[in-house]
């Protein structure tokens, strides 16, 4: 009985040691944080470009989860609105493919998330207000809705 217990103990120690060695050797593989670093750089650029009191909009084609995360991390409200409803000097988060051209200036891009921050240089075409209703993502301090 004692002999089988010693054998099981040594096998367990060997498995733990092998696991630790593999973790140390492959540290770069499981600690690849390039997406996180790119997101932080994008958030920093967004904070520097868009004033805290300026409205920030997201186009409907962007993933709602990504917008909620950005809204939480930036501690600001981000409203959903089609880019055709834009006014001059509005800021939009939009898909990088295809990028709005001509009447918008790209201020920052998040390549891994395929998201861009753009500033509208000229007002969009006039359409009915029923198509331009906002769908808000509350900031972090506003609670869950």
N, C-alpha and C. Protein backbone atom coordinates (compact mmCIF):
# COMPACT_ATOMS: atom_id res chain seq x y z
N UNK A 1 0.82 -1.19 0.00
CA UNK A 1 0.00 0.00 0.00
C UNK A 1 0.86 1.26 0.00
N UNK A 2 1.90 1.28 0.82
CA UNK A 2 2.78 2.43 0.90
C UNK A 2 3.53 2.60 -0.42
N UNK A 3 3.90 1.48 -1.03
CA UNK A 3 4.63 1.53 -2.28
C UNK A 3 3.78 2.17 -3.40
N UNK A 4 2.50 1.84 -3.48
CA UNK A 4 1.63 2.43 -4.50
C UNK A 4 1.38 3.91 -4.21
N UNK A 5 1.34 4.27 -2.96
CA UNK A 5 1.17 5.69 -2.58
C UNK A 5 2.39 6.50 -3.01
N UNK A 6 3.58 5.99 -2.79
CA UNK A 6 4.81 6.66 -3.22
C UNK A 6 4.85 6.79 -4.73
N UNK A 7 4.44 5.76 -5.44
CA UNK A 7 4.42 5.81 -6.89
C UNK A 7 3.45 6.88 -7.39
N UNK A 8 2.26 6.94 -6.80
CA UNK A 8 1.26 7.95 -7.18
C UNK A 8 1.76 9.35 -6.87
N UNK A 9 2.45 9.52 -5.76
CA UNK A 9 3.00 10.82 -5.39
C UNK A 9 4.04 11.27 -6.41
N UNK A 10 4.95 10.36 -6.79
CA UNK A 10 5.99 10.71 -7.75
C UNK A 10 5.40 10.99 -9.14
N UNK A 11 4.39 10.29 -9.52
CA UNK A 11 3.73 10.55 -10.80
C UNK A 11 3.07 11.94 -10.77
N UNK A 12 2.40 12.28 -9.68
CA UNK A 12 1.77 13.60 -9.52
C UNK A 12 2.79 14.72 -9.56
N UNK A 13 3.91 14.54 -8.87
CA UNK A 13 4.97 15.54 -8.87
C UNK A 13 5.54 15.70 -10.29
N UNK A 14 5.71 14.60 -11.00
CA UNK A 14 6.21 14.66 -12.37
C UNK A 14 5.28 15.41 -13.29
N UNK A 15 3.97 15.17 -13.16
CA UNK A 15 2.99 15.87 -13.99
C UNK A 15 3.02 17.37 -13.71
N UNK A 16 3.09 17.74 -12.43
CA UNK A 16 3.13 19.16 -12.06
C UNK A 16 4.40 19.81 -12.60
N UNK A 17 5.53 19.15 -12.46
CA UNK A 17 6.79 19.70 -12.96
C UNK A 17 6.77 19.87 -14.48
N UNK A 18 6.26 18.88 -15.19
CA UNK A 18 6.15 18.99 -16.65
C UNK A 18 5.27 20.16 -17.04
N UNK A 19 4.16 20.33 -16.35
CA UNK A 19 3.26 21.45 -16.63
C UNK A 19 3.93 22.79 -16.39
N UNK A 20 4.66 22.92 -15.29
CA UNK A 20 5.36 24.17 -15.00
C UNK A 20 6.45 24.46 -16.03
N UNK A 21 7.18 23.44 -16.42
CA UNK A 21 8.23 23.62 -17.43
C UNK A 21 7.61 24.07 -18.75
N UNK A 22 6.52 23.45 -19.16
CA UNK A 22 5.87 23.85 -20.41
C UNK A 22 5.34 25.29 -20.35
N UNK A 23 4.81 25.69 -19.20
CA UNK A 23 4.32 27.06 -19.05
C UNK A 23 5.45 28.07 -19.17
N UNK A 24 6.59 27.78 -18.54
CA UNK A 24 7.72 28.70 -18.58
C UNK A 24 8.30 28.78 -19.99
N UNK A 25 8.43 27.66 -20.66
CA UNK A 25 9.00 27.63 -22.00
C UNK A 25 8.10 28.36 -22.99
N UNK A 26 6.80 28.20 -22.88
CA UNK A 26 5.88 28.80 -23.85
C UNK A 26 5.24 30.08 -23.32
N UNK A 27 5.93 30.81 -22.45
CA UNK A 27 5.39 32.04 -21.86
C UNK A 27 4.93 33.03 -22.93
N UNK A 28 5.72 33.21 -23.96
CA UNK A 28 5.35 34.15 -25.03
C UNK A 28 4.08 33.74 -25.74
N UNK A 29 3.81 32.46 -25.84
CA UNK A 29 2.63 31.98 -26.54
C UNK A 29 1.34 32.25 -25.80
N UNK A 30 1.32 32.08 -24.49
CA UNK A 30 0.07 32.29 -23.77
C UNK A 30 -0.03 33.70 -23.22
N UNK A 31 0.99 34.51 -23.39
CA UNK A 31 0.96 35.88 -22.89
C UNK A 31 0.99 36.91 -24.02
N UNK A 32 0.57 36.51 -25.22
CA UNK A 32 0.53 37.43 -26.35
C UNK A 32 -0.60 38.43 -26.15
N UNK A 33 -0.26 39.67 -25.91
CA UNK A 33 -1.27 40.69 -25.59
C UNK A 33 -1.26 41.82 -26.61
N UNK A 34 -0.97 41.50 -27.85
CA UNK A 34 -0.91 42.55 -28.87
C UNK A 34 -2.27 43.19 -29.12
N UNK A 35 -3.35 42.39 -29.05
CA UNK A 35 -4.69 42.96 -29.24
C UNK A 35 -5.03 43.92 -28.10
N UNK A 36 -4.69 43.54 -26.88
CA UNK A 36 -4.96 44.41 -25.73
C UNK A 36 -4.18 45.72 -25.81
N UNK A 37 -2.93 45.64 -26.24
CA UNK A 37 -2.12 46.85 -26.38
C UNK A 37 -2.66 47.75 -27.48
N UNK A 38 -3.11 47.16 -28.58
CA UNK A 38 -3.69 47.95 -29.67
C UNK A 38 -4.98 48.63 -29.21
N UNK A 39 -5.79 47.93 -28.44
CA UNK A 39 -7.04 48.52 -27.92
C UNK A 39 -6.74 49.68 -26.98
N UNK A 40 -5.74 49.53 -26.11
CA UNK A 40 -5.38 50.62 -25.19
C UNK A 40 -4.88 51.84 -25.95
N UNK A 41 -4.07 51.63 -27.00
CA UNK A 41 -3.58 52.74 -27.81
C UNK A 41 -4.75 53.44 -28.51
N UNK A 42 -5.72 52.66 -29.00
CA UNK A 42 -6.90 53.23 -29.66
C UNK A 42 -7.72 54.05 -28.67
N UNK A 43 -7.91 53.53 -27.45
CA UNK A 43 -8.66 54.25 -26.42
C UNK A 43 -7.96 55.55 -26.04
N UNK A 44 -6.64 55.51 -25.94
CA UNK A 44 -5.87 56.72 -25.60
C UNK A 44 -6.02 57.77 -26.70
N UNK A 45 -5.94 57.35 -27.94
CA UNK A 45 -6.11 58.28 -29.07
C UNK A 45 -7.53 58.85 -29.07
N UNK A 46 -8.51 58.01 -28.78
CA UNK A 46 -9.90 58.45 -28.74
C UNK A 46 -10.09 59.51 -27.66
N UNK A 47 -9.51 59.28 -26.47
CA UNK A 47 -9.62 60.26 -25.39
C UNK A 47 -8.97 61.59 -25.77
N UNK A 48 -7.85 61.53 -26.49
CA UNK A 48 -7.15 62.77 -26.84
C UNK A 48 -7.84 63.51 -27.98
N UNK A 49 -8.53 62.83 -28.87
CA UNK A 49 -9.16 63.46 -30.02
C UNK A 49 -10.56 63.99 -29.74
N UNK A 50 -11.33 63.27 -28.92
CA UNK A 50 -12.73 63.61 -28.69
C UNK A 50 -12.87 64.21 -27.30
N UNK A 51 -13.34 65.44 -27.24
CA UNK A 51 -13.55 66.10 -25.95
C UNK A 51 -14.58 65.32 -25.13
N UNK A 52 -14.45 65.40 -23.81
CA UNK A 52 -15.34 64.64 -22.92
C UNK A 52 -16.80 65.04 -23.08
N UNK A 53 -17.07 66.29 -23.44
CA UNK A 53 -18.45 66.74 -23.59
C UNK A 53 -18.97 66.63 -25.02
N UNK A 54 -18.12 66.22 -25.95
CA UNK A 54 -18.54 66.04 -27.34
C UNK A 54 -19.26 64.70 -27.51
N UNK A 55 -20.36 64.67 -28.25
CA UNK A 55 -21.04 63.39 -28.45
C UNK A 55 -20.21 62.44 -29.31
N UNK A 56 -20.32 61.17 -28.98
CA UNK A 56 -19.62 60.12 -29.72
C UNK A 56 -20.67 59.11 -30.17
N UNK A 57 -20.66 58.78 -31.45
CA UNK A 57 -21.64 57.88 -32.02
C UNK A 57 -20.95 56.64 -32.57
N UNK A 58 -21.71 55.57 -32.68
CA UNK A 58 -21.24 54.34 -33.31
C UNK A 58 -22.22 53.95 -34.40
N UNK A 59 -21.70 53.52 -35.52
CA UNK A 59 -22.57 53.10 -36.61
C UNK A 59 -23.19 51.75 -36.28
N UNK A 60 -24.37 51.47 -36.82
CA UNK A 60 -25.09 50.24 -36.48
C UNK A 60 -24.36 48.94 -36.82
N UNK A 61 -23.44 48.96 -37.79
CA UNK A 61 -22.80 47.70 -38.18
C UNK A 61 -21.73 47.23 -37.19
N UNK A 62 -21.32 48.08 -36.26
CA UNK A 62 -20.32 47.67 -35.27
C UNK A 62 -20.95 46.74 -34.24
N UNK A 63 -20.13 45.85 -33.70
CA UNK A 63 -20.57 44.88 -32.71
C UNK A 63 -20.99 45.59 -31.42
N UNK A 64 -22.18 45.29 -30.93
CA UNK A 64 -22.70 45.94 -29.73
C UNK A 64 -21.83 45.66 -28.51
N UNK A 65 -21.27 44.46 -28.41
CA UNK A 65 -20.41 44.13 -27.27
C UNK A 65 -19.16 45.01 -27.24
N UNK A 66 -18.54 45.23 -28.40
CA UNK A 66 -17.36 46.09 -28.47
C UNK A 66 -17.70 47.51 -28.05
N UNK A 67 -18.85 48.00 -28.49
CA UNK A 67 -19.25 49.36 -28.16
C UNK A 67 -19.54 49.49 -26.66
N UNK A 68 -20.17 48.49 -26.07
CA UNK A 68 -20.42 48.53 -24.63
C UNK A 68 -19.12 48.53 -23.84
N UNK A 69 -18.15 47.75 -24.28
CA UNK A 69 -16.85 47.72 -23.60
C UNK A 69 -16.17 49.08 -23.71
N UNK A 70 -16.17 49.68 -24.89
CA UNK A 70 -15.57 51.01 -25.06
C UNK A 70 -16.30 52.05 -24.21
N UNK A 71 -17.62 51.98 -24.18
CA UNK A 71 -18.40 52.92 -23.38
C UNK A 71 -18.04 52.79 -21.91
N UNK A 72 -17.89 51.58 -21.44
CA UNK A 72 -17.53 51.34 -20.04
C UNK A 72 -16.12 51.86 -19.75
N UNK A 73 -15.17 51.52 -20.61
CA UNK A 73 -13.78 51.88 -20.37
C UNK A 73 -13.54 53.38 -20.49
N UNK A 74 -14.27 54.04 -21.38
CA UNK A 74 -14.12 55.48 -21.55
C UNK A 74 -14.99 56.29 -20.59
N UNK A 75 -15.89 55.59 -19.89
CA UNK A 75 -16.82 56.22 -18.95
C UNK A 75 -17.63 57.34 -19.63
N UNK A 76 -18.17 57.00 -20.80
CA UNK A 76 -18.98 57.95 -21.55
C UNK A 76 -20.04 57.20 -22.34
N UNK A 77 -21.09 57.90 -22.68
CA UNK A 77 -22.18 57.32 -23.44
C UNK A 77 -21.83 57.32 -24.92
N UNK A 78 -22.10 56.19 -25.56
CA UNK A 78 -21.90 56.08 -27.00
C UNK A 78 -23.25 55.70 -27.60
N UNK A 79 -23.74 56.53 -28.51
CA UNK A 79 -25.05 56.30 -29.11
C UNK A 79 -24.90 55.70 -30.49
N UNK A 80 -25.84 54.83 -30.86
CA UNK A 80 -25.88 54.24 -32.20
C UNK A 80 -26.60 55.20 -33.13
N UNK A 81 -25.99 55.45 -34.27
CA UNK A 81 -26.61 56.33 -35.25
C UNK A 81 -25.99 56.04 -36.61
N UNK A 82 -26.81 55.97 -37.66
CA UNK A 82 -26.25 55.80 -39.01
C UNK A 82 -25.40 57.02 -39.38
N UNK A 83 -24.35 56.80 -40.13
CA UNK A 83 -23.45 57.89 -40.47
C UNK A 83 -24.11 58.91 -41.40
N UNK A 84 -25.17 58.53 -42.08
CA UNK A 84 -25.89 59.49 -42.94
C UNK A 84 -26.62 60.53 -42.11
N UNK A 85 -26.77 60.31 -40.82
CA UNK A 85 -27.44 61.26 -39.92
C UNK A 85 -26.44 62.22 -39.28
N UNK A 86 -25.20 62.16 -39.70
CA UNK A 86 -24.14 62.94 -39.07
C UNK A 86 -24.27 64.43 -39.35
N UNK A 87 -23.81 65.20 -38.38
CA UNK A 87 -23.69 66.65 -38.54
C UNK A 87 -22.21 66.99 -38.60
N UNK A 88 -21.90 68.17 -39.03
CA UNK A 88 -20.52 68.61 -39.13
C UNK A 88 -19.85 68.52 -37.75
N UNK A 89 -18.63 67.99 -37.72
CA UNK A 89 -17.79 67.83 -36.53
C UNK A 89 -18.31 66.79 -35.54
N UNK A 90 -19.21 65.91 -35.96
CA UNK A 90 -19.58 64.76 -35.14
C UNK A 90 -18.47 63.73 -35.20
N UNK A 91 -18.34 62.94 -34.13
CA UNK A 91 -17.35 61.87 -34.08
C UNK A 91 -18.08 60.53 -34.13
N UNK A 92 -17.58 59.64 -34.99
CA UNK A 92 -18.20 58.34 -35.17
C UNK A 92 -17.17 57.23 -35.04
N UNK A 93 -17.59 56.14 -34.44
CA UNK A 93 -16.86 54.88 -34.50
C UNK A 93 -17.52 54.09 -35.61
N UNK A 94 -16.73 53.68 -36.58
CA UNK A 94 -17.29 53.01 -37.75
C UNK A 94 -16.38 51.86 -38.16
N UNK A 95 -16.88 51.01 -39.03
CA UNK A 95 -16.08 49.90 -39.54
C UNK A 95 -15.00 50.44 -40.47
N UNK A 96 -13.83 49.82 -40.44
CA UNK A 96 -12.75 50.27 -41.31
C UNK A 96 -12.91 49.76 -42.73
N UNK A 97 -13.81 48.82 -42.93
CA UNK A 97 -14.01 48.27 -44.26
C UNK A 97 -15.50 48.26 -44.59
N UNK A 98 -16.01 49.15 -45.40
CA UNK A 98 -15.32 50.23 -46.07
C UNK A 98 -15.29 51.48 -45.18
N UNK A 99 -14.25 52.26 -45.30
CA UNK A 99 -14.15 53.52 -44.57
C UNK A 99 -14.98 54.58 -45.27
N UNK A 100 -15.62 55.47 -44.49
CA UNK A 100 -16.30 56.59 -45.13
C UNK A 100 -15.26 57.48 -45.82
N UNK A 101 -15.54 57.91 -47.01
CA UNK A 101 -14.58 58.73 -47.75
C UNK A 101 -15.19 60.07 -48.09
N UNK A 102 -14.33 61.02 -48.38
CA UNK A 102 -14.78 62.31 -48.86
C UNK A 102 -15.14 63.27 -47.75
N UNK A 103 -16.19 63.00 -47.02
CA UNK A 103 -16.68 63.95 -46.05
C UNK A 103 -16.32 63.58 -44.62
N UNK A 104 -15.39 62.64 -44.42
CA UNK A 104 -14.98 62.22 -43.09
C UNK A 104 -13.46 62.13 -43.03
N UNK A 105 -12.91 62.40 -41.88
CA UNK A 105 -11.46 62.31 -41.67
C UNK A 105 -11.20 61.22 -40.65
N UNK A 106 -10.36 60.27 -41.00
CA UNK A 106 -10.01 59.18 -40.09
C UNK A 106 -8.98 59.69 -39.10
N UNK A 107 -9.30 59.59 -37.80
CA UNK A 107 -8.40 60.07 -36.76
C UNK A 107 -7.60 58.94 -36.12
N UNK A 108 -8.18 57.75 -36.06
CA UNK A 108 -7.50 56.60 -35.45
C UNK A 108 -8.15 55.33 -35.96
N UNK A 109 -7.36 54.26 -36.02
CA UNK A 109 -7.91 52.96 -36.40
C UNK A 109 -7.45 51.90 -35.42
N UNK A 110 -8.29 50.91 -35.24
CA UNK A 110 -7.98 49.73 -34.45
C UNK A 110 -7.99 48.58 -35.43
N UNK A 111 -6.82 48.23 -35.94
CA UNK A 111 -6.71 47.24 -37.00
C UNK A 111 -7.24 45.88 -36.61
N UNK A 112 -6.94 45.42 -35.40
CA UNK A 112 -7.37 44.08 -35.01
C UNK A 112 -8.87 44.00 -34.83
N UNK A 113 -9.50 45.10 -34.43
CA UNK A 113 -10.94 45.11 -34.25
C UNK A 113 -11.69 45.66 -35.43
N UNK A 114 -10.93 46.12 -36.47
CA UNK A 114 -11.52 46.68 -37.67
C UNK A 114 -12.49 47.82 -37.37
N UNK A 115 -12.04 48.73 -36.48
CA UNK A 115 -12.84 49.87 -36.07
C UNK A 115 -12.03 51.14 -36.30
N UNK A 116 -12.71 52.22 -36.70
CA UNK A 116 -12.04 53.50 -36.91
C UNK A 116 -12.81 54.61 -36.22
N UNK A 117 -12.07 55.61 -35.77
CA UNK A 117 -12.67 56.84 -35.25
C UNK A 117 -12.58 57.87 -36.36
N UNK A 118 -13.72 58.43 -36.75
CA UNK A 118 -13.74 59.43 -37.82
C UNK A 118 -14.44 60.69 -37.34
N UNK A 119 -14.02 61.82 -37.90
CA UNK A 119 -14.70 63.09 -37.66
C UNK A 119 -15.36 63.52 -38.95
N UNK A 120 -16.61 63.89 -38.87
CA UNK A 120 -17.38 64.28 -40.05
C UNK A 120 -17.02 65.72 -40.41
N UNK A 121 -16.63 65.93 -41.66
CA UNK A 121 -16.23 67.25 -42.11
C UNK A 121 -17.38 68.04 -42.73
N UNK A 122 -18.38 67.32 -43.26
CA UNK A 122 -19.55 67.97 -43.85
C UNK A 122 -20.78 67.17 -43.44
N UNK A 123 -21.89 67.85 -43.26
CA UNK A 123 -23.12 67.19 -42.82
C UNK A 123 -23.58 66.14 -43.81
N UNK A 124 -24.18 65.07 -43.27
CA UNK A 124 -24.72 64.01 -44.12
C UNK A 124 -25.97 64.48 -44.83
N UNK A 125 -26.46 63.64 -45.72
CA UNK A 125 -27.67 64.02 -46.45
C UNK A 125 -28.85 64.05 -45.50
N UNK A 126 -29.80 64.88 -45.78
CA UNK A 126 -30.95 65.08 -44.92
C UNK A 126 -31.94 63.93 -45.11
N UNK A 127 -32.23 63.21 -44.06
CA UNK A 127 -33.24 62.15 -44.10
C UNK A 127 -34.17 62.34 -42.92
N UNK A 128 -35.25 61.61 -42.91
CA UNK A 128 -36.23 61.75 -41.86
C UNK A 128 -35.67 61.44 -40.47
N UNK A 129 -36.17 62.15 -39.46
CA UNK A 129 -35.65 61.97 -38.10
C UNK A 129 -35.99 60.60 -37.54
N UNK A 130 -36.99 59.93 -38.08
CA UNK A 130 -37.34 58.59 -37.58
C UNK A 130 -36.22 57.59 -37.85
N UNK A 131 -35.40 57.83 -38.87
CA UNK A 131 -34.28 56.94 -39.18
C UNK A 131 -33.02 57.29 -38.40
N UNK A 132 -33.02 58.40 -37.69
CA UNK A 132 -31.83 58.87 -36.99
C UNK A 132 -31.99 58.81 -35.47
N UNK A 133 -32.84 57.95 -34.99
CA UNK A 133 -33.00 57.83 -33.54
C UNK A 133 -31.78 57.16 -32.95
N UNK A 134 -31.41 57.61 -31.76
CA UNK A 134 -30.24 57.07 -31.08
C UNK A 134 -30.62 55.86 -30.24
N UNK A 135 -29.69 54.93 -30.17
CA UNK A 135 -29.79 53.78 -29.28
C UNK A 135 -28.54 53.84 -28.43
N UNK A 136 -28.69 54.21 -27.16
CA UNK A 136 -27.53 54.53 -26.33
C UNK A 136 -26.96 53.32 -25.61
N UNK A 137 -25.65 53.37 -25.40
CA UNK A 137 -24.96 52.46 -24.50
C UNK A 137 -24.52 53.31 -23.32
N UNK A 138 -25.05 53.05 -22.14
CA UNK A 138 -24.76 53.93 -21.00
C UNK A 138 -23.29 53.82 -20.58
N UNK A 139 -22.80 54.90 -20.00
CA UNK A 139 -21.44 54.91 -19.47
C UNK A 139 -21.38 53.99 -18.25
N UNK A 140 -20.18 53.72 -17.79
CA UNK A 140 -19.96 52.76 -16.69
C UNK A 140 -20.66 53.17 -15.41
N UNK A 141 -20.73 54.46 -15.12
CA UNK A 141 -21.29 54.90 -13.85
C UNK A 141 -22.80 55.09 -13.89
N UNK A 142 -23.45 54.72 -14.97
CA UNK A 142 -24.89 54.89 -15.07
C UNK A 142 -25.66 53.63 -14.75
N UNK A 143 -24.99 52.54 -14.45
CA UNK A 143 -25.67 51.31 -14.07
C UNK A 143 -26.01 50.43 -15.25
N UNK A 144 -26.58 49.27 -14.96
CA UNK A 144 -26.98 48.30 -15.99
C UNK A 144 -28.41 48.56 -16.40
N UNK A 145 -28.65 48.55 -17.69
CA UNK A 145 -30.01 48.70 -18.23
C UNK A 145 -30.34 47.58 -19.14
